[in-house]
Amino acid sequence: MTDPAEAGRRVNEVFVPLMREISGLVAYYWVDAGNGVMVSTSVFEDEAGAEESIRKAADFVRDHLASLLPDPPEVMAGHVVASV
């Protein structure tokens, strides 16, 4: 069962505080893109923070979100090449 509202609530109440603990966090966003698609984006000052967030996210999804997601999460990482 896909439930973007419940997923967002869990992310906001449980995962956002975990993200705030990670050194180098610049920004974190959870987006309900519609049609059961949910996207999160995080920006870190360094690769170490990004890697720590991926580990924490994997644990969080396994423990709190798996039942609300239609498909397993896909992780992508990269370097910012343009910004405003």
C-alpha atoms as a PDB file:
ATOM      1  CA  MET A   1       0.000   0.000   0.000  1.00  0.00           C
ATOM      2  CA  THR A   2       1.411   3.393  -0.983  1.00  0.00           C
ATOM      3  CA  ASP A   3       0.616   6.153   1.512  1.00  0.00           C
ATOM      4  CA  PRO A   4       2.577   9.336   0.752  1.00  0.00           C
ATOM      5  CA  ALA A   5       0.973  11.313   3.592  1.00  0.00           C
ATOM      6  CA  GLU A   6       1.905   8.703   6.200  1.00  0.00           C
ATOM      7  CA  ALA A   7       5.374   8.306   4.696  1.00  0.00           C
ATOM      8  CA  GLY A   8       5.874  12.067   4.900  1.00  0.00           C
ATOM      9  CA  ARG A   9       4.728  12.116   8.512  1.00  0.00           C
ATOM     10  CA  ARG A  10       7.194   9.371   9.443  1.00  0.00           C
ATOM     11  CA  VAL A  11      10.012  11.063   7.563  1.00  0.00           C
ATOM     12  CA  ASN A  12       9.308  14.378   9.277  1.00  0.00           C
ATOM     13  CA  GLU A  13       8.933  12.936  12.773  1.00  0.00           C
ATOM     14  CA  VAL A  14      11.658  10.257  12.747  1.00  0.00           C
ATOM     15  CA  PHE A  15      14.103  10.700   9.884  1.00  0.00           C
ATOM     16  CA  VAL A  16      14.505  14.491   9.783  1.00  0.00           C
ATOM     17  CA  PRO A  17      15.856  14.556  13.373  1.00  0.00           C
ATOM     18  CA  LEU A  18      18.360  11.835  12.389  1.00  0.00           C
ATOM     19  CA  MET A  19      19.476  13.875   9.389  1.00  0.00           C
ATOM     20  CA  ARG A  20      20.013  16.960  11.558  1.00  0.00           C
ATOM     21  CA  GLU A  21      22.631  14.997  13.525  1.00  0.00           C
ATOM     22  CA  ILE A  22      24.808  14.399  10.452  1.00  0.00           C
ATOM     23  CA  SER A  23      27.760  16.728  10.083  1.00  0.00           C
ATOM     24  CA  GLY A  24      27.808  18.797   6.915  1.00  0.00           C
ATOM     25  CA  LEU A  25      24.065  18.702   6.182  1.00  0.00           C
ATOM     26  CA  VAL A  26      23.109  21.642   3.964  1.00  0.00           C
ATOM     27  CA  ALA A  27      19.543  20.677   3.002  1.00  0.00           C
ATOM     28  CA  TYR A  28      17.100  17.767   2.998  1.00  0.00           C
ATOM     29  CA  TYR A  29      13.834  17.517   1.072  1.00  0.00           C
ATOM     30  CA  TRP A  30      11.091  14.876   0.942  1.00  0.00           C
ATOM     31  CA  VAL A  31       8.815  15.287  -2.078  1.00  0.00           C
ATOM     32  CA  ASP A  32       5.521  13.621  -2.914  1.00  0.00           C
ATOM     33  CA  ALA A  33       5.800  13.564  -6.710  1.00  0.00           C
ATOM     34  CA  GLY A  34       2.347  12.010  -7.152  1.00  0.00           C
ATOM     35  CA  ASN A  35       1.199   8.620  -8.421  1.00  0.00           C
ATOM     36  CA  GLY A  36       2.912   6.848  -5.519  1.00  0.00           C
ATOM     37  CA  VAL A  37       6.322   8.328  -6.317  1.00  0.00           C
ATOM     38  CA  MET A  38       8.225   9.836  -3.404  1.00  0.00           C
ATOM     39  CA  VAL A  39      11.657  11.402  -3.741  1.00  0.00           C
ATOM     40  CA  SER A  40      14.164  12.555  -1.169  1.00  0.00           C
ATOM     41  CA  THR A  41      17.131  14.779  -1.886  1.00  0.00           C
ATOM     42  CA  SER A  42      19.874  15.703   0.501  1.00  0.00           C
ATOM     43  CA  VAL A  43      22.800  18.056   0.080  1.00  0.00           C
ATOM     44  CA  PHE A  44      25.977  17.762   2.130  1.00  0.00           C
ATOM     45  CA  GLU A  45      29.179  19.732   2.342  1.00  0.00           C
ATOM     46  CA  ASP A  46      31.220  16.563   1.948  1.00  0.00           C
ATOM     47  CA  GLU A  47      31.024  12.971   0.808  1.00  0.00           C
ATOM     48  CA  ALA A  48      31.370  11.581   4.352  1.00  0.00           C
ATOM     49  CA  GLY A  49      28.091  13.175   5.413  1.00  0.00           C
ATOM     50  CA  ALA A  50      26.346  11.943   2.289  1.00  0.00           C
ATOM     51  CA  GLU A  51      27.546   8.393   2.888  1.00  0.00           C
ATOM     52  CA  GLU A  52      26.403   8.503   6.517  1.00  0.00           C
ATOM     53  CA  SER A  53      22.974   9.721   5.399  1.00  0.00           C
ATOM     54  CA  ILE A  54      22.673   6.810   2.955  1.00  0.00           C
ATOM     55  CA  ARG A  55      23.364   4.340   5.773  1.00  0.00           C
ATOM     56  CA  LYS A  56      20.843   6.021   8.081  1.00  0.00           C
ATOM     57  CA  ALA A  57      18.270   6.203   5.285  1.00  0.00           C
ATOM     58  CA  ALA A  58      18.618   2.491   4.533  1.00  0.00           C
ATOM     59  CA  ASP A  59      17.969   1.629   8.183  1.00  0.00           C
ATOM     60  CA  PHE A  60      15.071   4.073   8.396  1.00  0.00           C
ATOM     61  CA  VAL A  61      13.390   2.777   5.245  1.00  0.00           C
ATOM     62  CA  ARG A  62      13.777  -0.819   6.384  1.00  0.00           C
ATOM     63  CA  ASP A  63      12.405  -0.090   9.861  1.00  0.00           C
ATOM     64  CA  HIS A  64       9.750   2.572   9.152  1.00  0.00           C
ATOM     65  CA  LEU A  65       8.815   2.929   5.471  1.00  0.00           C
ATOM     66  CA  ALA A  66       9.095  -0.387   3.624  1.00  0.00           C
ATOM     67  CA  SER A  67       5.396  -1.175   4.045  1.00  0.00           C
ATOM     68  CA  LEU A  68       4.414   2.212   2.545  1.00  0.00           C
ATOM     69  CA  LEU A  69       6.591   2.056  -0.571  1.00  0.00           C
ATOM     70  CA  PRO A  70       5.462   0.278  -3.739  1.00  0.00           C
ATOM     71  CA  ASP A  71       9.032  -0.482  -4.863  1.00  0.00           C
ATOM     72  CA  PRO A  72      12.421  -0.745  -3.188  1.00  0.00           C
ATOM     73  CA  PRO A  73      14.179   2.620  -2.948  1.00  0.00           C
ATOM     74  CA  GLU A  74      16.779   3.558  -5.526  1.00  0.00           C
ATOM     75  CA  VAL A  75      19.854   5.433  -4.281  1.00  0.00           C
ATOM     76  CA  MET A  76      21.715   7.852  -6.523  1.00  0.00           C
ATOM     77  CA  ALA A  77      24.605  10.110  -5.607  1.00  0.00           C
ATOM     78  CA  GLY A  78      26.576  12.729  -7.472  1.00  0.00           C
ATOM     79  CA  HIS A  79      28.403  16.010  -7.262  1.00  0.00           C
ATOM     80  CA  VAL A  80      26.713  19.366  -7.727  1.00  0.00           C
ATOM     81  CA  VAL A  81      27.807  20.868 -11.030  1.00  0.00           C
ATOM     82  CA  ALA A  82      25.491  23.907 -11.100  1.00  0.00           C
ATOM     83  CA  SER A  83      23.452  25.705  -8.469  1.00  0.00           C
ATOM     84  CA  VAL A  84      21.695  28.967  -7.622  1.00  0.00           C
END
